[in-house]
Amino acid sequence: MRKSVYEQEPENRPRTRPPGHSDEGNGRDQEHHDRPDDDYRDERGQGRRRRDRDLTALDKQRCEFEGNKKESDYYAGIEKALTERSKQFDDTLVLYENNRTAAEPALKTARNAIEDLLKKLRCISGCDRELLDAAWNEVLVRVEKCSAANGGPCLDDDCEFDDDVCDVDLAELRSREATYTARVVAAEAKFDELIKEPALLTARIVALTAEVAAVAKDLAADPPADPELTYIKALVAEYHAERDQIWAGFAYPNAYEDCLRTCQRCSIRGRRVLTRIVGEIAVQQCKAAKRLARCIALKAHLATETKKEADELRERDEWRKKQEESAP
């Protein structure tokens, strides 16, 4: 129920001196009176009316507290994962550098072995190498299309998130929350995928070494294996030994670090903005609920509220008359 004007919070009470007068004599009261977002406006015969009559200052404070609590709960739910990813970021970069350095000699050996095998296979009769090369090139074109459709090894996101939630309505906030959450989840999933790369790199080197050994075994078999199939296997091994394949698209160690860092940056930035959005959504939902509750109470006590409104208007009219009489 609405209180008498002089029982309201101090910031909502009428002024006790005419506009333009202040203790400092600098006209601050006049500036306050002229602001369009003042709680009341002076209109002859109406007094200073509250803009947001359905929410009290205490309502707003409670809703702000609810928003702060929601932000705290949201951060508590993601803090452990953020901390863990920060540690994984540092550890993974060191591990990747070490594994890549250790893989270089084995990769060089495998490439030299493949080159020797292809030279020997090209000297063996019994297979149409020109036809096999053409078929292999056609397959490579299809593989490249598949790779392009699946995207590159890095996250495709600029990591920019709008953190301004002032004067943003609830529908827009919910839309941002859904969009930003999807982007952040994608960044974190990509991060979780990338931190497996050091182990996968080592596994690819081991697999390549075994693949080359299998081709060499087929070539040395007695009786000899199918020469066409052996030649194709050598071409496949050569493909697996290429930089884009063995390094998974990361031409240099710095490229891998940049991709991992982008994922981490998107995660941190996005979660920070989402924390604010979640809090603001809670504030607006709280205010909407309190407005609804006050509307229900108002409709249940229309006569009482009308009488209080009349008393308030009468009280303000008397106050204005006194101010006009005391004005110079």
C-alpha atoms as a PDB file:
ATOM      1  CA  MET A   1       0.000   0.000   0.000  1.00  0.00           C
ATOM      2  CA  ARG A   2       1.196   3.480  -0.792  1.00  0.00           C
ATOM      3  CA  LYS A   3       2.440   5.521   2.174  1.00  0.00           C
ATOM      4  CA  SER A   4       1.765   9.163   2.844  1.00  0.00           C
ATOM      5  CA  VAL A   5       4.222  11.359   1.045  1.00  0.00           C
ATOM      6  CA  TYR A   6       5.978  12.318   4.278  1.00  0.00           C
ATOM      7  CA  GLU A   7       6.325   8.658   5.284  1.00  0.00           C
ATOM      8  CA  GLN A   8       8.125   7.765   2.081  1.00  0.00           C
ATOM      9  CA  GLU A   9      11.864   7.326   1.759  1.00  0.00           C
ATOM     10  CA  PRO A  10      13.744  10.674   1.913  1.00  0.00           C
ATOM     11  CA  GLU A  11      14.691  10.609  -1.761  1.00  0.00           C
ATOM     12  CA  ASN A  12      10.993  10.439  -2.729  1.00  0.00           C
ATOM     13  CA  ARG A  13       9.733  13.296  -0.544  1.00  0.00           C
ATOM     14  CA  PRO A  14       8.777  16.695  -2.017  1.00  0.00           C
ATOM     15  CA  ARG A  15      11.374  19.442  -1.873  1.00  0.00           C
ATOM     16  CA  THR A  16      11.127  21.847   1.050  1.00  0.00           C
ATOM     17  CA  ARG A  17      12.318  24.924  -0.882  1.00  0.00           C
ATOM     18  CA  PRO A  18      11.448  26.400  -4.284  1.00  0.00           C
ATOM     19  CA  PRO A  19      13.451  25.353  -7.346  1.00  0.00           C
ATOM     20  CA  GLY A  20      16.679  27.265  -7.793  1.00  0.00           C
ATOM     21  CA  HIS A  21      17.356  27.669  -4.058  1.00  0.00           C
ATOM     22  CA  SER A  22      20.011  25.553  -2.378  1.00  0.00           C
ATOM     23  CA  ASP A  23      22.376  25.688   0.568  1.00  0.00           C
ATOM     24  CA  GLU A  24      25.287  26.374  -1.774  1.00  0.00           C
ATOM     25  CA  GLY A  25      23.378  28.921  -3.834  1.00  0.00           C
ATOM     26  CA  ASN A  26      24.448  27.272  -7.088  1.00  0.00           C
ATOM     27  CA  GLY A  27      21.017  26.371  -8.448  1.00  0.00           C
ATOM     28  CA  ARG A  28      21.483  22.561  -8.115  1.00  0.00           C
ATOM     29  CA  ASP A  29      17.840  22.129  -7.105  1.00  0.00           C
ATOM     30  CA  GLN A  30      16.764  23.801 -10.329  1.00  0.00           C
ATOM     31  CA  GLU A  31      18.991  21.425 -12.314  1.00  0.00           C
ATOM     32  CA  HIS A  32      17.528  18.465 -10.455  1.00  0.00           C
ATOM     33  CA  HIS A  33      14.008  19.730 -11.121  1.00  0.00           C
ATOM     34  CA  ASP A  34      14.653  20.093 -14.835  1.00  0.00           C
ATOM     35  CA  ARG A  35      16.000  16.563 -15.306  1.00  0.00           C
ATOM     36  CA  PRO A  36      13.594  14.428 -17.385  1.00  0.00           C
ATOM     37  CA  ASP A  37      14.194  11.378 -15.193  1.00  0.00           C
ATOM     38  CA  ASP A  38      13.176  13.110 -11.943  1.00  0.00           C
ATOM     39  CA  ASP A  39      10.918  10.957  -9.747  1.00  0.00           C
ATOM     40  CA  TYR A  40       8.239  13.659  -9.862  1.00  0.00           C
ATOM     41  CA  ARG A  41       7.345  16.505 -12.171  1.00  0.00           C
ATOM     42  CA  ASP A  42       5.654  19.767 -11.196  1.00  0.00           C
ATOM     43  CA  GLU A  43       2.303  20.319 -12.864  1.00  0.00           C
ATOM     44  CA  ARG A  44      -0.180  22.830 -11.488  1.00  0.00           C
ATOM     45  CA  GLY A  45      -3.005  21.029  -9.758  1.00  0.00           C
ATOM     46  CA  GLN A  46      -1.246  17.652  -9.777  1.00  0.00           C
ATOM     47  CA  GLY A  47       1.796  18.035  -7.561  1.00  0.00           C
ATOM     48  CA  ARG A  48       4.954  15.969  -8.112  1.00  0.00           C
ATOM     49  CA  ARG A  49       3.954  12.526  -9.333  1.00  0.00           C
ATOM     50  CA  ARG A  50       6.100   9.401  -9.027  1.00  0.00           C
ATOM     51  CA  ARG A  51       7.087   7.852 -12.336  1.00  0.00           C
ATOM     52  CA  ASP A  52       7.481   4.321 -10.993  1.00  0.00           C
ATOM     53  CA  ARG A  53       4.607   4.219  -8.537  1.00  0.00           C
ATOM     54  CA  ASP A  54       4.478   0.422  -8.431  1.00  0.00           C
ATOM     55  CA  LEU A  55       8.023  -0.041  -7.033  1.00  0.00           C
ATOM     56  CA  THR A  56       9.422   1.380  -3.815  1.00  0.00           C
ATOM     57  CA  ALA A  57      13.075   2.088  -3.157  1.00  0.00           C
ATOM     58  CA  LEU A  58      13.182  -1.035  -0.994  1.00  0.00           C
ATOM     59  CA  ASP A  59      11.747  -3.108  -3.831  1.00  0.00           C
ATOM     60  CA  LYS A  60      14.509  -1.908  -6.132  1.00  0.00           C
ATOM     61  CA  GLN A  61      17.200  -2.583  -3.543  1.00  0.00           C
ATOM     62  CA  ARG A  62      15.904  -6.104  -2.968  1.00  0.00           C
ATOM     63  CA  CYS A  63      15.919  -6.757  -6.707  1.00  0.00           C
ATOM     64  CA  GLU A  64      19.456  -5.413  -7.048  1.00  0.00           C
ATOM     65  CA  PHE A  65      20.480  -7.762  -4.257  1.00  0.00           C
ATOM     66  CA  GLU A  66      18.775 -10.618  -6.096  1.00  0.00           C
ATOM     67  CA  GLY A  67      20.773  -9.746  -9.212  1.00  0.00           C
ATOM     68  CA  ASN A  68      24.033  -9.681  -7.254  1.00  0.00           C
ATOM     69  CA  LYS A  69      23.230 -13.064  -5.751  1.00  0.00           C
ATOM     70  CA  LYS A  70      22.488 -14.511  -9.184  1.00  0.00           C
ATOM     71  CA  GLU A  71      25.814 -13.214 -10.506  1.00  0.00           C
ATOM     72  CA  SER A  72      27.619 -14.755  -7.543  1.00  0.00           C
ATOM     73  CA  ASP A  73      25.878 -18.104  -8.039  1.00  0.00           C
ATOM     74  CA  TYR A  74      26.661 -18.089 -11.764  1.00  0.00           C
ATOM     75  CA  TYR A  75      30.346 -17.405 -11.174  1.00  0.00           C
ATOM     76  CA  ALA A  76      30.529 -20.047  -8.452  1.00  0.00           C
ATOM     77  CA  GLY A  77      29.227 -22.553 -10.980  1.00  0.00           C
ATOM     78  CA  ILE A  78      31.945 -21.819 -13.548  1.00  0.00           C
ATOM     79  CA  GLU A  79      34.888 -20.845 -11.329  1.00  0.00           C
ATOM     80  CA  LYS A  80      36.310 -24.364 -11.060  1.00  0.00           C
ATOM     81  CA  ALA A  81      36.213 -24.927 -14.828  1.00  0.00           C
ATOM     82  CA  LEU A  82      37.811 -21.532 -15.542  1.00  0.00           C
ATOM     83  CA  THR A  83      40.612 -22.218 -13.078  1.00  0.00           C
ATOM     84  CA  GLU A  84      41.198 -25.687 -14.514  1.00  0.00           C
ATOM     85  CA  ARG A  85      41.375 -24.376 -18.086  1.00  0.00           C
ATOM     86  CA  SER A  86      43.869 -21.730 -17.061  1.00  0.00           C
ATOM     87  CA  LYS A  87      46.159 -24.433 -15.670  1.00  0.00           C
ATOM     88  CA  GLN A  88      45.595 -26.675 -18.692  1.00  0.00           C
ATOM     89  CA  PHE A  89      46.508 -23.800 -20.998  1.00  0.00           C
ATOM     90  CA  ASP A  90      49.963 -23.374 -19.463  1.00  0.00           C
ATOM     91  CA  ASP A  91      50.666 -27.099 -19.127  1.00  0.00           C
ATOM     92  CA  THR A  92      49.482 -27.958 -22.641  1.00  0.00           C
ATOM     93  CA  LEU A  93      51.689 -25.387 -24.357  1.00  0.00           C
ATOM     94  CA  VAL A  94      54.794 -26.838 -22.703  1.00  0.00           C
ATOM     95  CA  LEU A  95      53.744 -30.403 -23.520  1.00  0.00           C
ATOM     96  CA  TYR A  96      52.957 -29.538 -27.150  1.00  0.00           C
ATOM     97  CA  GLU A  97      56.339 -27.900 -27.687  1.00  0.00           C
ATOM     98  CA  ASN A  98      58.145 -30.903 -26.187  1.00  0.00           C
ATOM     99  CA  ASN A  99      56.158 -33.503 -28.131  1.00  0.00           C
ATOM    100  CA  ARG A 100      56.541 -31.643 -31.404  1.00  0.00           C
ATOM    101  CA  THR A 101      60.285 -31.307 -30.953  1.00  0.00           C
ATOM    102  CA  ALA A 102      60.566 -34.998 -30.099  1.00  0.00           C
ATOM    103  CA  ALA A 103      58.521 -35.953 -33.178  1.00  0.00           C
ATOM    104  CA  GLU A 104      60.719 -34.144 -35.702  1.00  0.00           C
ATOM    105  CA  PRO A 105      63.441 -36.858 -36.047  1.00  0.00           C
ATOM    106  CA  ALA A 106      60.888 -39.676 -36.438  1.00  0.00           C
ATOM    107  CA  LEU A 107      58.979 -37.649 -39.027  1.00  0.00           C
ATOM    108  CA  LYS A 108      62.136 -36.994 -41.027  1.00  0.00           C
ATOM    109  CA  THR A 109      63.006 -40.699 -40.973  1.00  0.00           C
ATOM    110  CA  ALA A 110      59.503 -41.662 -42.114  1.00  0.00           C
ATOM    111  CA  ARG A 111      59.546 -39.175 -44.990  1.00  0.00           C
ATOM    112  CA  ASN A 112      62.918 -40.438 -46.227  1.00  0.00           C
ATOM    113  CA  ALA A 113      61.671 -44.022 -46.059  1.00  0.00           C
ATOM    114  CA  ILE A 114      58.516 -43.148 -48.014  1.00  0.00           C
ATOM    115  CA  GLU A 115      60.563 -41.421 -50.703  1.00  0.00           C
ATOM    116  CA  ASP A 116      62.743 -44.522 -51.110  1.00  0.00           C
ATOM    117  CA  LEU A 117      59.713 -46.823 -51.240  1.00  0.00           C
ATOM    118  CA  LEU A 118      58.031 -44.769 -53.952  1.00  0.00           C
ATOM    119  CA  LYS A 119      61.193 -44.800 -56.056  1.00  0.00           C
ATOM    120  CA  LYS A 120      61.329 -48.602 -55.845  1.00  0.00           C
ATOM    121  CA  LEU A 121      57.616 -49.003 -56.547  1.00  0.00           C
ATOM    122  CA  ARG A 122      57.816 -46.825 -59.648  1.00  0.00           C
ATOM    123  CA  CYS A 123      60.411 -49.225 -61.050  1.00  0.00           C
ATOM    124  CA  ILE A 124      58.206 -52.282 -60.568  1.00  0.00           C
ATOM    125  CA  SER A 125      56.141 -53.448 -63.501  1.00  0.00           C
ATOM    126  CA  GLY A 126      52.611 -54.717 -63.203  1.00  0.00           C
ATOM    127  CA  CYS A 127      50.712 -51.509 -62.304  1.00  0.00           C
ATOM    128  CA  ASP A 128      49.437 -48.521 -64.226  1.00  0.00           C
ATOM    129  CA  ARG A 129      50.976 -45.770 -62.087  1.00  0.00           C
ATOM    130  CA  GLU A 130      49.578 -42.966 -64.279  1.00  0.00           C
ATOM    131  CA  LEU A 131      46.061 -44.266 -63.740  1.00  0.00           C
ATOM    132  CA  LEU A 132      46.649 -44.736 -60.012  1.00  0.00           C
ATOM    133  CA  ASP A 133      48.022 -41.191 -59.656  1.00  0.00           C
ATOM    134  CA  ALA A 134      44.937 -39.778 -61.406  1.00  0.00           C
ATOM    135  CA  ALA A 135      42.633 -41.777 -59.130  1.00  0.00           C
ATOM    136  CA  TRP A 136      44.562 -40.643 -56.052  1.00  0.00           C
ATOM    137  CA  ASN A 137      44.286 -36.987 -57.106  1.00  0.00           C
ATOM    138  CA  GLU A 138      40.509 -37.346 -57.491  1.00  0.00           C
ATOM    139  CA  VAL A 139      40.268 -38.784 -53.995  1.00  0.00           C
ATOM    140  CA  LEU A 140      42.387 -35.929 -52.613  1.00  0.00           C
ATOM    141  CA  VAL A 141      39.977 -33.373 -54.115  1.00  0.00           C
ATOM    142  CA  ARG A 142      37.100 -35.041 -52.282  1.00  0.00           C
ATOM    143  CA  VAL A 143      39.094 -35.130 -49.050  1.00  0.00           C
ATOM    144  CA  GLU A 144      39.859 -31.413 -49.321  1.00  0.00           C
ATOM    145  CA  LYS A 145      36.153 -30.642 -49.766  1.00  0.00           C
ATOM    146  CA  CYS A 146      35.389 -32.590 -46.607  1.00  0.00           C
ATOM    147  CA  SER A 147      38.090 -30.693 -44.714  1.00  0.00           C
ATOM    148  CA  ALA A 148      36.770 -27.326 -45.929  1.00  0.00           C
ATOM    149  CA  ALA A 149      33.226 -28.236 -44.861  1.00  0.00           C
ATOM    150  CA  ASN A 150      34.410 -29.132 -41.356  1.00  0.00           C
ATOM    151  CA  GLY A 151      36.241 -25.819 -40.893  1.00  0.00           C
ATOM    152  CA  GLY A 152      39.819 -25.103 -39.932  1.00  0.00           C
ATOM    153  CA  PRO A 153      41.683 -26.205 -36.831  1.00  0.00           C
ATOM    154  CA  CYS A 154      41.026 -22.915 -35.007  1.00  0.00           C
ATOM    155  CA  LEU A 155      37.941 -21.304 -33.503  1.00  0.00           C
ATOM    156  CA  ASP A 156      36.148 -18.956 -35.907  1.00  0.00           C
ATOM    157  CA  ASP A 157      35.039 -16.227 -33.484  1.00  0.00           C
ATOM    158  CA  ASP A 158      36.104 -12.618 -32.905  1.00  0.00           C
ATOM    159  CA  CYS A 159      35.474 -13.026 -29.137  1.00  0.00           C
ATOM    160  CA  GLU A 160      33.598  -9.708 -28.958  1.00  0.00           C
ATOM    161  CA  PHE A 161      30.668  -9.572 -26.522  1.00  0.00           C
ATOM    162  CA  ASP A 162      28.462  -6.554 -25.778  1.00  0.00           C
ATOM    163  CA  ASP A 163      28.666  -5.999 -22.009  1.00  0.00           C
ATOM    164  CA  ASP A 164      26.329  -2.967 -21.892  1.00  0.00           C
ATOM    165  CA  VAL A 165      23.147  -4.074 -20.117  1.00  0.00           C
ATOM    166  CA  CYS A 166      21.819  -0.617 -19.246  1.00  0.00           C
ATOM    167  CA  ASP A 167      18.339   0.073 -20.654  1.00  0.00           C
ATOM    168  CA  VAL A 168      18.278  -3.320 -22.387  1.00  0.00           C
ATOM    169  CA  ASP A 169      14.894  -5.025 -22.235  1.00  0.00           C
ATOM    170  CA  LEU A 170      14.383  -8.535 -20.946  1.00  0.00           C
ATOM    171  CA  ALA A 171      13.774 -10.094 -24.369  1.00  0.00           C
ATOM    172  CA  GLU A 172      17.060  -8.739 -25.725  1.00  0.00           C
ATOM    173  CA  LEU A 173      18.932  -9.879 -22.615  1.00  0.00           C
ATOM    174  CA  ARG A 174      17.577 -13.400 -22.979  1.00  0.00           C
ATOM    175  CA  SER A 175      18.505 -13.415 -26.659  1.00  0.00           C
ATOM    176  CA  ARG A 176      22.058 -12.338 -25.822  1.00  0.00           C
ATOM    177  CA  GLU A 177      22.285 -14.933 -23.079  1.00  0.00           C
ATOM    178  CA  ALA A 178      21.348 -17.722 -25.496  1.00  0.00           C
ATOM    179  CA  THR A 179      23.661 -16.480 -28.261  1.00  0.00           C
ATOM    180  CA  TYR A 180      26.643 -15.806 -26.008  1.00  0.00           C
ATOM    181  CA  THR A 181      26.215 -19.086 -24.157  1.00  0.00           C
ATOM    182  CA  ALA A 182      26.313 -20.994 -27.456  1.00  0.00           C
ATOM    183  CA  ARG A 183      29.478 -19.149 -28.509  1.00  0.00           C
ATOM    184  CA  VAL A 184      31.190 -19.708 -25.175  1.00  0.00           C
ATOM    185  CA  VAL A 185      30.266 -23.393 -25.102  1.00  0.00           C
ATOM    186  CA  ALA A 186      31.683 -23.759 -28.627  1.00  0.00           C
ATOM    187  CA  ALA A 187      34.917 -22.026 -27.576  1.00  0.00           C
ATOM    188  CA  GLU A 188      35.284 -24.227 -24.512  1.00  0.00           C
ATOM    189  CA  ALA A 189      34.556 -27.369 -26.533  1.00  0.00           C
ATOM    190  CA  LYS A 190      37.227 -26.338 -29.029  1.00  0.00           C
ATOM    191  CA  PHE A 191      39.644 -25.712 -26.160  1.00  0.00           C
ATOM    192  CA  ASP A 192      38.946 -29.174 -24.741  1.00  0.00           C
ATOM    193  CA  GLU A 193      39.595 -30.606 -28.196  1.00  0.00           C
ATOM    194  CA  LEU A 194      42.852 -28.702 -28.698  1.00  0.00           C
ATOM    195  CA  ILE A 195      44.405 -29.713 -25.384  1.00  0.00           C
ATOM    196  CA  LYS A 196      44.371 -33.311 -26.653  1.00  0.00           C
ATOM    197  CA  GLU A 197      46.641 -32.340 -29.561  1.00  0.00           C
ATOM    198  CA  PRO A 198      50.007 -33.066 -27.864  1.00  0.00           C
ATOM    199  CA  ALA A 199      49.010 -36.696 -27.291  1.00  0.00           C
ATOM    200  CA  LEU A 200      47.369 -36.975 -30.724  1.00  0.00           C
ATOM    201  CA  LEU A 201      50.507 -35.612 -32.376  1.00  0.00           C
ATOM    202  CA  THR A 202      52.619 -38.343 -30.811  1.00  0.00           C
ATOM    203  CA  ALA A 203      50.025 -40.946 -31.784  1.00  0.00           C
ATOM    204  CA  ARG A 204      50.087 -39.792 -35.415  1.00  0.00           C
ATOM    205  CA  ILE A 205      53.882 -40.147 -35.536  1.00  0.00           C
ATOM    206  CA  VAL A 206      53.653 -43.677 -34.129  1.00  0.00           C
ATOM    207  CA  ALA A 207      50.915 -44.562 -36.631  1.00  0.00           C
ATOM    208  CA  LEU A 208      52.925 -43.114 -39.528  1.00  0.00           C
ATOM    209  CA  THR A 209      55.996 -45.128 -38.559  1.00  0.00           C
ATOM    210  CA  ALA A 210      53.918 -48.313 -38.465  1.00  0.00           C
ATOM    211  CA  GLU A 211      52.273 -47.418 -41.781  1.00  0.00           C
ATOM    212  CA  VAL A 212      55.648 -46.979 -43.514  1.00  0.00           C
ATOM    213  CA  ALA A 213      56.891 -50.262 -42.052  1.00  0.00           C
ATOM    214  CA  ALA A 214      53.817 -52.055 -43.409  1.00  0.00           C
ATOM    215  CA  VAL A 215      54.430 -50.701 -46.936  1.00  0.00           C
ATOM    216  CA  ALA A 216      58.073 -51.772 -46.762  1.00  0.00           C
ATOM    217  CA  LYS A 217      56.994 -55.252 -45.632  1.00  0.00           C
ATOM    218  CA  ASP A 218      54.563 -55.570 -48.548  1.00  0.00           C
ATOM    219  CA  LEU A 219      57.251 -54.473 -50.986  1.00  0.00           C
ATOM    220  CA  ALA A 220      59.720 -57.043 -49.645  1.00  0.00           C
ATOM    221  CA  ALA A 221      57.202 -59.894 -49.469  1.00  0.00           C
ATOM    222  CA  ASP A 222      57.877 -63.135 -51.313  1.00  0.00           C
ATOM    223  CA  PRO A 223      55.812 -63.691 -53.303  1.00  0.00           C
ATOM    224  CA  PRO A 224      55.360 -59.913 -53.761  1.00  0.00           C
ATOM    225  CA  ALA A 225      52.089 -58.325 -52.694  1.00  0.00           C
ATOM    226  CA  ASP A 226      49.714 -56.623 -55.096  1.00  0.00           C
ATOM    227  CA  PRO A 227      51.964 -53.897 -56.614  1.00  0.00           C
ATOM    228  CA  GLU A 228      49.083 -51.517 -57.334  1.00  0.00           C
ATOM    229  CA  LEU A 229      47.746 -51.705 -53.775  1.00  0.00           C
ATOM    230  CA  THR A 230      51.253 -51.358 -52.345  1.00  0.00           C
ATOM    231  CA  TYR A 231      51.825 -48.257 -54.481  1.00  0.00           C
ATOM    232  CA  ILE A 232      48.519 -46.740 -53.309  1.00  0.00           C
ATOM    233  CA  LYS A 233      49.442 -47.424 -49.667  1.00  0.00           C
ATOM    234  CA  ALA A 234      52.733 -45.612 -50.224  1.00  0.00           C
ATOM    235  CA  LEU A 235      50.856 -42.587 -51.626  1.00  0.00           C
ATOM    236  CA  VAL A 236      48.570 -42.586 -48.583  1.00  0.00           C
ATOM    237  CA  ALA A 237      51.575 -42.750 -46.243  1.00  0.00           C
ATOM    238  CA  GLU A 238      53.128 -39.827 -48.113  1.00  0.00           C
ATOM    239  CA  TYR A 239      49.893 -37.872 -47.590  1.00  0.00           C
ATOM    240  CA  HIS A 240      49.861 -38.654 -43.867  1.00  0.00           C
ATOM    241  CA  ALA A 241      53.449 -37.384 -43.605  1.00  0.00           C
ATOM    242  CA  GLU A 242      52.573 -33.940 -44.993  1.00  0.00           C
ATOM    243  CA  ARG A 243      52.810 -30.995 -42.620  1.00  0.00           C
ATOM    244  CA  ASP A 244      49.075 -30.222 -42.629  1.00  0.00           C
ATOM    245  CA  GLN A 245      48.302 -33.815 -41.677  1.00  0.00           C
ATOM    246  CA  ILE A 246      50.983 -34.669 -39.162  1.00  0.00           C
ATOM    247  CA  TRP A 247      50.717 -31.259 -37.438  1.00  0.00           C
ATOM    248  CA  ALA A 248      46.891 -31.124 -37.792  1.00  0.00           C
ATOM    249  CA  GLY A 249      46.976 -27.825 -39.676  1.00  0.00           C
ATOM    250  CA  PHE A 250      49.330 -26.023 -37.297  1.00  0.00           C
ATOM    251  CA  ALA A 251      52.284 -25.133 -39.497  1.00  0.00           C
ATOM    252  CA  TYR A 252      54.243 -23.747 -36.540  1.00  0.00           C
ATOM    253  CA  PRO A 253      54.002 -24.154 -32.753  1.00  0.00           C
ATOM    254  CA  ASN A 254      52.929 -20.506 -32.456  1.00  0.00           C
ATOM    255  CA  ALA A 255      49.872 -21.237 -34.608  1.00  0.00           C
ATOM    256  CA  TYR A 256      48.728 -23.855 -32.113  1.00  0.00           C
ATOM    257  CA  GLU A 257      49.313 -21.471 -29.215  1.00  0.00           C
ATOM    258  CA  ASP A 258      47.301 -18.721 -30.933  1.00  0.00           C
ATOM    259  CA  CYS A 259      44.348 -21.055 -31.480  1.00  0.00           C
ATOM    260  CA  LEU A 260      44.395 -22.245 -27.893  1.00  0.00           C
ATOM    261  CA  ARG A 261      44.673 -18.674 -26.632  1.00  0.00           C
ATOM    262  CA  THR A 262      41.701 -17.567 -28.752  1.00  0.00           C
ATOM    263  CA  CYS A 263      39.524 -20.264 -27.202  1.00  0.00           C
ATOM    264  CA  GLN A 264      40.594 -19.250 -23.716  1.00  0.00           C
ATOM    265  CA  ARG A 265      39.982 -15.571 -24.444  1.00  0.00           C
ATOM    266  CA  CYS A 266      36.473 -16.248 -25.784  1.00  0.00           C
ATOM    267  CA  SER A 267      35.643 -18.346 -22.751  1.00  0.00           C
ATOM    268  CA  ILE A 268      36.788 -15.744 -20.218  1.00  0.00           C
ATOM    269  CA  ARG A 269      35.287 -12.740 -22.007  1.00  0.00           C
ATOM    270  CA  GLY A 270      32.017 -14.488 -22.696  1.00  0.00           C
ATOM    271  CA  ARG A 271      31.605 -15.797 -19.158  1.00  0.00           C
ATOM    272  CA  ARG A 272      32.329 -12.352 -17.722  1.00  0.00           C
ATOM    273  CA  VAL A 273      29.624 -10.735 -19.858  1.00  0.00           C
ATOM    274  CA  LEU A 274      27.197 -13.589 -19.209  1.00  0.00           C
ATOM    275  CA  THR A 275      27.649 -13.024 -15.489  1.00  0.00           C
ATOM    276  CA  ARG A 276      26.393  -9.457 -15.916  1.00  0.00           C
ATOM    277  CA  ILE A 277      23.553 -10.509 -18.199  1.00  0.00           C
ATOM    278  CA  VAL A 278      22.373 -13.215 -15.801  1.00  0.00           C
ATOM    279  CA  GLY A 279      22.382 -10.687 -12.959  1.00  0.00           C
ATOM    280  CA  GLU A 280      20.445  -8.088 -14.953  1.00  0.00           C
ATOM    281  CA  ILE A 281      17.873 -10.674 -16.028  1.00  0.00           C
ATOM    282  CA  ALA A 282      17.344 -11.567 -12.368  1.00  0.00           C
ATOM    283  CA  VAL A 283      16.888  -7.882 -11.492  1.00  0.00           C
ATOM    284  CA  GLN A 284      14.306  -7.323 -14.207  1.00  0.00           C
ATOM    285  CA  GLN A 285      12.434 -10.522 -13.391  1.00  0.00           C
ATOM    286  CA  CYS A 286      12.351  -9.540  -9.733  1.00  0.00           C
ATOM    287  CA  LYS A 287      10.988  -6.082 -10.551  1.00  0.00           C
ATOM    288  CA  ALA A 288       8.357  -7.561 -12.842  1.00  0.00           C
ATOM    289  CA  ALA A 289       7.240  -9.946 -10.097  1.00  0.00           C
ATOM    290  CA  LYS A 290       6.996  -7.155  -7.537  1.00  0.00           C
ATOM    291  CA  ARG A 291       5.051  -4.944  -9.955  1.00  0.00           C
ATOM    292  CA  LEU A 292       2.623  -7.787 -10.527  1.00  0.00           C
ATOM    293  CA  ALA A 293       2.225  -8.349  -6.791  1.00  0.00           C
ATOM    294  CA  ARG A 294       1.533  -4.651  -6.228  1.00  0.00           C
ATOM    295  CA  CYS A 295      -0.973  -4.584  -9.089  1.00  0.00           C
ATOM    296  CA  ILE A 296      -2.822  -7.519  -7.550  1.00  0.00           C
ATOM    297  CA  ALA A 297      -2.845  -5.770  -4.165  1.00  0.00           C
ATOM    298  CA  LEU A 298      -4.032  -2.525  -5.777  1.00  0.00           C
ATOM    299  CA  LYS A 299      -6.985  -4.207  -7.500  1.00  0.00           C
ATOM    300  CA  ALA A 300      -7.948  -5.898  -4.232  1.00  0.00           C
ATOM    301  CA  HIS A 301      -8.095  -2.560  -2.348  1.00  0.00           C
ATOM    302  CA  LEU A 302      -9.278  -0.018  -4.906  1.00  0.00           C
ATOM    303  CA  ALA A 303     -11.367   2.055  -2.499  1.00  0.00           C
ATOM    304  CA  THR A 304      -8.636   2.230   0.136  1.00  0.00           C
ATOM    305  CA  GLU A 305      -5.992   3.160  -2.410  1.00  0.00           C
ATOM    306  CA  THR A 306      -8.206   5.843  -3.937  1.00  0.00           C
ATOM    307  CA  LYS A 307      -8.770   7.410  -0.502  1.00  0.00           C
ATOM    308  CA  LYS A 308      -5.026   7.420   0.194  1.00  0.00           C
ATOM    309  CA  GLU A 309      -4.356   8.928  -3.216  1.00  0.00           C
ATOM    310  CA  ALA A 310      -6.849  11.707  -2.512  1.00  0.00           C
ATOM    311  CA  ASP A 311      -5.241  12.417   0.871  1.00  0.00           C
ATOM    312  CA  GLU A 312      -1.847  12.598  -0.775  1.00  0.00           C
ATOM    313  CA  LEU A 313      -3.022  14.998  -3.475  1.00  0.00           C
ATOM    314  CA  ARG A 314      -4.641  17.214  -0.856  1.00  0.00           C
ATOM    315  CA  GLU A 315      -1.468  17.178   1.242  1.00  0.00           C
ATOM    316  CA  ARG A 316       0.654  18.157  -1.753  1.00  0.00           C
ATOM    317  CA  ASP A 317      -1.693  20.966  -2.739  1.00  0.00           C
ATOM    318  CA  GLU A 318      -1.399  22.403   0.755  1.00  0.00           C
ATOM    319  CA  TRP A 319       2.383  22.116   0.597  1.00  0.00           C
ATOM    320  CA  ARG A 320       2.501  23.921  -2.750  1.00  0.00           C
ATOM    321  CA  LYS A 321       0.305  26.744  -1.497  1.00  0.00           C
ATOM    322  CA  LYS A 322       2.623  27.274   1.454  1.00  0.00           C
ATOM    323  CA  GLN A 323       5.614  27.391  -0.886  1.00  0.00           C
ATOM    324  CA  GLU A 324       3.908  29.928  -3.127  1.00  0.00           C
ATOM    325  CA  GLU A 325       2.984  32.108  -0.158  1.00  0.00           C
ATOM    326  CA  SER A 326       6.535  32.026   1.216  1.00  0.00           C
ATOM    327  CA  ALA A 327       8.171  32.707  -2.158  1.00  0.00           C
ATOM    328  CA  PRO A 328       9.651  36.251  -2.504  1.00  0.00           C
END
